[in-house]
Amino acid sequence: MSVDQFIPSAIRPVPHTEDLPVPVPLQQYILDSDDEPTEKLEKTPQTTTSTDADFTADLQSNEIHRIKQEELNDLIRNLDLTKCTVELLGSRLQQWNLLTKTSEFLYCKRYEDLVQSFKMERGLVACTDIDGLMQTLNINHIPLDWRLFIDSSKLSLKAVLLHKGNNLPSIPVGHSVHSKVSYENVKILMEAIKHDKFKWQICGDLKVISLLLRLQQVFTKYCCYICE
């Protein structure tokens, strides 16, 4: 039985005639002497024009446009660049002499005064100078007016100071990523922020309270956190 009896789209080989000529391959690719495909490019010049009315360019002017400070700020904001990429862009523009003499890169440096109060040790970033941090934020630190909120997950741990009555913003004082939540890590956090000195009242969920009191953690199998 022939193939076309099973597949309706299959046809038998037929001889080529004037009505059915031999197909000619496309000349988009040619082979050189090394049998490597190379693209056959036309030598006719190609011009492209933009039809977007929002992005128009002055093609008649050949002068170099040096970027002003306002244009530079808009460019950085529109591109949503990070500090590292802004520094790279600035060095390139200055190297190519595309900036005006009054243009400069402005960074947000407010965090530099706050970083001095934090230290990183064993994967934990904690504030070791609470009084200095409060002084930088222009806040009168009264420990009785603040609560230490501790929250944890399987791989992270964070501590935040919450003002009594929420009259002042919350202040992060500790954060740890990729650290197993355990009593030892919580103890390191408490020692880093000097909880024994300020004696803040601690608030948190049942899991954190169980960690601090060295009690049995709550699971579905053992619903009571006091005993098993």
Protein backbone atom coordinates (compact mmCIF):
# COMPACT_ATOMS: atom_id res chain seq x y z
CA MET A 1 0.00 0.00 0.00
CA SER A 2 1.28 3.48 -0.83
CA VAL A 3 1.93 6.23 1.66
CA ASP A 4 -0.70 8.57 0.24
CA GLN A 5 -3.40 6.07 1.19
CA PHE A 6 -2.62 6.65 4.85
CA ILE A 7 -1.57 10.31 4.77
CA PRO A 8 -3.88 12.47 2.66
CA SER A 9 -1.34 15.29 2.47
CA ALA A 10 1.41 13.08 0.98
CA ILE A 11 1.81 13.02 -2.80
CA ARG A 12 3.79 10.82 -5.10
CA PRO A 13 7.00 12.14 -6.71
CA VAL A 14 6.11 13.83 -10.01
CA PRO A 15 8.41 15.08 -12.77
CA HIS A 16 8.99 18.81 -13.00
CA THR A 17 7.37 20.64 -15.90
CA GLU A 18 6.75 24.24 -16.86
CA ASP A 19 3.72 24.27 -14.60
CA LEU A 20 5.74 22.69 -11.75
CA PRO A 21 9.30 24.07 -12.03
CA VAL A 22 12.28 23.11 -9.87
CA PRO A 23 12.27 25.28 -6.72
CA VAL A 24 15.14 27.72 -6.51
CA PRO A 25 16.79 28.11 -3.06
CA LEU A 26 16.85 31.54 -1.48
CA GLN A 27 20.02 33.52 -2.02
CA GLN A 28 19.98 34.92 1.49
CA TYR A 29 22.88 32.67 2.46
CA ILE A 30 25.78 31.60 0.27
CA LEU A 31 28.66 29.25 0.92
CA ASP A 32 32.25 30.31 0.57
CA SER A 33 35.26 28.15 -0.09
CA ASP A 34 35.40 26.96 3.52
CA ASP A 35 31.74 25.86 3.41
CA GLU A 36 30.82 28.38 6.08
CA PRO A 37 27.46 30.15 5.69
CA THR A 38 27.81 33.88 5.29
CA GLU A 39 24.99 36.33 4.92
CA LYS A 40 24.76 38.07 1.57
CA LEU A 41 24.30 41.70 2.42
CA GLU A 42 23.01 44.22 -0.03
CA LYS A 43 25.18 47.24 -0.60
CA THR A 44 22.27 49.58 -0.96
CA PRO A 45 22.10 52.02 1.96
CA GLN A 46 19.25 51.55 4.39
CA THR A 47 17.65 54.38 6.26
CA THR A 48 15.29 54.05 9.18
CA THR A 49 12.92 56.65 10.45
CA SER A 50 11.07 56.77 13.75
CA THR A 51 7.34 57.35 13.78
CA ASP A 52 7.07 57.86 17.54
CA ALA A 53 6.18 61.48 18.23
CA ASP A 54 7.39 61.27 21.84
CA PHE A 55 10.98 60.52 20.84
CA THR A 56 12.13 62.97 18.21
CA ALA A 57 15.72 63.93 17.50
CA ASP A 58 17.16 67.00 15.85
CA LEU A 59 19.00 65.41 12.93
CA GLN A 60 19.98 68.75 11.45
CA SER A 61 22.36 69.67 14.29
CA ASN A 62 25.76 67.92 14.37
CA GLU A 63 27.01 69.64 17.52
CA ILE A 64 27.83 67.62 20.64
CA HIS A 65 25.17 68.06 23.28
CA ARG A 66 26.60 68.23 26.79
CA ILE A 67 24.20 67.03 29.45
CA LYS A 68 23.06 69.56 32.01
CA GLN A 69 22.37 68.86 35.67
CA GLU A 70 18.59 68.81 35.24
CA GLU A 71 18.83 66.44 32.28
CA LEU A 72 21.23 64.22 34.20
CA ASN A 73 18.89 63.97 37.18
CA ASP A 74 15.96 63.10 34.92
CA LEU A 75 18.02 60.45 33.16
CA ILE A 76 19.07 58.77 36.40
CA ARG A 77 15.51 58.85 37.75
CA ASN A 78 13.95 57.50 34.54
CA LEU A 79 16.46 54.66 34.24
CA ASP A 80 16.04 53.75 37.94
CA LEU A 81 19.76 53.21 38.34
CA THR A 82 21.50 51.96 41.44
CA LYS A 83 24.44 53.72 43.06
CA CYS A 84 27.00 51.44 41.38
CA THR A 85 25.48 51.87 37.93
CA VAL A 86 25.20 55.65 38.44
CA GLU A 87 28.90 55.82 39.27
CA LEU A 88 29.72 53.79 36.16
CA LEU A 89 27.52 56.01 33.99
CA GLY A 90 29.07 59.14 35.48
CA SER A 91 32.63 57.98 34.85
CA ARG A 92 31.81 57.16 31.23
CA LEU A 93 30.07 60.47 30.57
CA GLN A 94 32.92 62.43 32.13
CA GLN A 95 35.47 60.41 30.19
CA TRP A 96 33.69 61.16 26.91
CA ASN A 97 33.36 64.85 27.88
CA LEU A 98 29.57 64.79 27.58
CA LEU A 99 28.81 66.68 30.79
CA THR A 100 28.80 70.38 31.43
CA LYS A 101 31.25 71.83 33.93
CA THR A 102 28.52 72.39 36.50
CA SER A 103 27.03 68.89 36.23
CA GLU A 104 27.81 66.49 39.03
CA PHE A 105 26.41 63.27 40.40
CA LEU A 106 24.43 63.69 43.59
CA TYR A 107 23.91 60.72 45.88
CA CYS A 108 21.72 60.22 48.87
CA LYS A 109 24.22 60.15 51.75
CA ARG A 110 21.84 60.29 54.68
CA TYR A 111 22.54 56.66 55.52
CA GLU A 112 26.26 57.26 56.05
CA ASP A 113 25.65 58.78 59.49
CA LEU A 114 23.43 55.82 60.43
CA VAL A 115 25.83 53.14 59.25
CA GLN A 116 28.33 54.13 61.94
CA SER A 117 25.96 52.83 64.62
CA PHE A 118 25.64 49.37 63.02
CA LYS A 119 28.06 46.47 62.90
CA MET A 120 27.96 43.13 61.14
CA GLU A 121 29.16 40.01 62.94
CA ARG A 122 28.52 36.36 62.12
CA GLY A 123 25.88 37.20 59.54
CA LEU A 124 24.00 39.53 61.91
CA VAL A 125 23.65 43.27 61.32
CA ALA A 126 22.83 44.96 64.62
CA CYS A 127 22.87 48.44 66.09
CA THR A 128 25.56 48.53 68.76
CA ASP A 129 25.05 52.22 69.61
CA ILE A 130 21.38 52.83 70.28
CA ASP A 131 21.93 56.23 71.90
CA GLY A 132 24.04 57.41 68.95
CA LEU A 133 21.39 56.21 66.51
CA MET A 134 18.65 58.03 68.39
CA GLN A 135 20.77 61.18 68.52
CA THR A 136 21.33 61.02 64.76
CA LEU A 137 17.58 60.72 64.25
CA ASN A 138 16.95 63.63 66.67
CA ILE A 139 14.93 61.43 69.02
CA ASN A 140 15.03 61.60 72.79
CA HIS A 141 15.60 58.00 73.79
CA ILE A 142 13.51 56.98 76.79
CA PRO A 143 13.64 53.15 77.06
CA LEU A 144 10.29 52.97 78.87
CA ASP A 145 8.58 54.47 75.81
CA TRP A 146 9.88 51.83 73.43
CA ARG A 147 9.11 48.16 72.82
CA LEU A 148 11.44 45.66 71.21
CA PHE A 149 9.60 43.69 68.55
CA ILE A 150 11.29 40.48 67.37
CA ASP A 151 10.07 38.50 64.40
CA SER A 152 11.55 35.40 62.87
CA SER A 153 11.11 32.89 60.11
CA LYS A 154 12.97 29.77 59.10
CA LEU A 155 15.89 31.69 57.58
CA SER A 156 15.66 35.27 58.89
CA LEU A 157 15.55 37.20 62.11
CA LYS A 158 14.79 40.88 62.66
CA ALA A 159 14.35 43.25 65.58
CA VAL A 160 12.58 46.62 65.52
CA LEU A 161 12.01 49.25 68.16
CA LEU A 162 8.36 50.32 68.31
CA HIS A 163 7.35 53.53 70.03
CA LYS A 164 4.61 53.38 72.60
CA GLY A 165 1.52 54.86 71.01
CA ASN A 166 3.13 54.94 67.55
CA ASN A 167 3.92 58.64 67.91
CA LEU A 168 7.40 58.06 66.42
CA PRO A 169 8.45 55.87 63.51
CA SER A 170 9.73 52.35 64.07
CA ILE A 171 13.51 51.88 64.09
CA PRO A 172 15.14 48.66 62.83
CA VAL A 173 17.99 47.65 65.12
CA GLY A 174 18.83 44.10 64.01
CA HIS A 175 18.55 41.91 60.98
CA SER A 176 19.94 38.53 60.04
CA VAL A 177 19.54 36.66 56.77
CA HIS A 178 20.35 33.01 56.10
CA SER A 179 20.60 32.27 59.80
CA LYS A 180 18.72 29.49 61.50
CA VAL A 181 16.27 30.71 64.08
CA SER A 182 17.43 29.38 67.41
CA TYR A 183 17.97 30.48 70.97
CA GLU A 184 21.69 31.04 70.32
CA ASN A 185 21.05 33.44 67.43
CA VAL A 186 18.43 35.34 69.40
CA LYS A 187 20.88 35.59 72.28
CA ILE A 188 23.53 37.02 69.96
CA LEU A 189 21.02 39.61 68.76
CA MET A 190 20.04 40.61 72.29
CA GLU A 191 23.67 40.99 73.33
CA ALA A 192 24.53 43.03 70.22
CA ILE A 193 21.80 45.61 70.81
CA LYS A 194 22.57 45.65 74.57
CA HIS A 195 19.14 44.72 75.81
CA ASP A 196 20.44 44.25 79.36
CA LYS A 197 21.31 47.96 79.45
CA PHE A 198 18.00 49.41 78.21
CA LYS A 199 15.55 46.72 79.41
CA TRP A 200 12.97 47.23 76.68
CA GLN A 201 9.79 45.24 76.97
CA ILE A 202 9.78 42.50 74.37
CA CYS A 203 6.81 41.76 72.16
CA GLY A 204 6.50 39.06 69.52
CA ASP A 205 4.65 35.96 68.51
CA LEU A 206 4.44 32.75 70.50
CA LYS A 207 7.41 31.25 68.68
CA VAL A 208 9.76 34.07 69.69
CA ILE A 209 8.57 34.01 73.30
CA SER A 210 9.19 30.27 73.42
CA LEU A 211 12.72 30.80 72.10
CA LEU A 212 13.50 33.44 74.71
CA LEU A 213 12.12 31.36 77.58
CA ARG A 214 13.75 28.14 76.33
CA LEU A 215 10.37 26.45 76.15
CA GLN A 216 9.12 23.78 73.82
CA GLN A 217 8.22 25.37 70.50
CA VAL A 218 4.66 24.99 69.34
CA PHE A 219 4.02 22.38 66.68
CA THR A 220 0.93 20.62 65.44
CA LYS A 221 2.00 17.44 67.23
CA TYR A 222 2.72 19.25 70.51
CA CYS A 223 0.18 22.05 70.82
CA CYS A 224 1.25 23.06 74.29
CA TYR A 225 4.50 25.06 74.41
CA ILE A 226 5.08 24.35 78.10
CA CYS A 227 5.46 20.60 77.89
CA GLU A 228 5.48 17.80 75.34
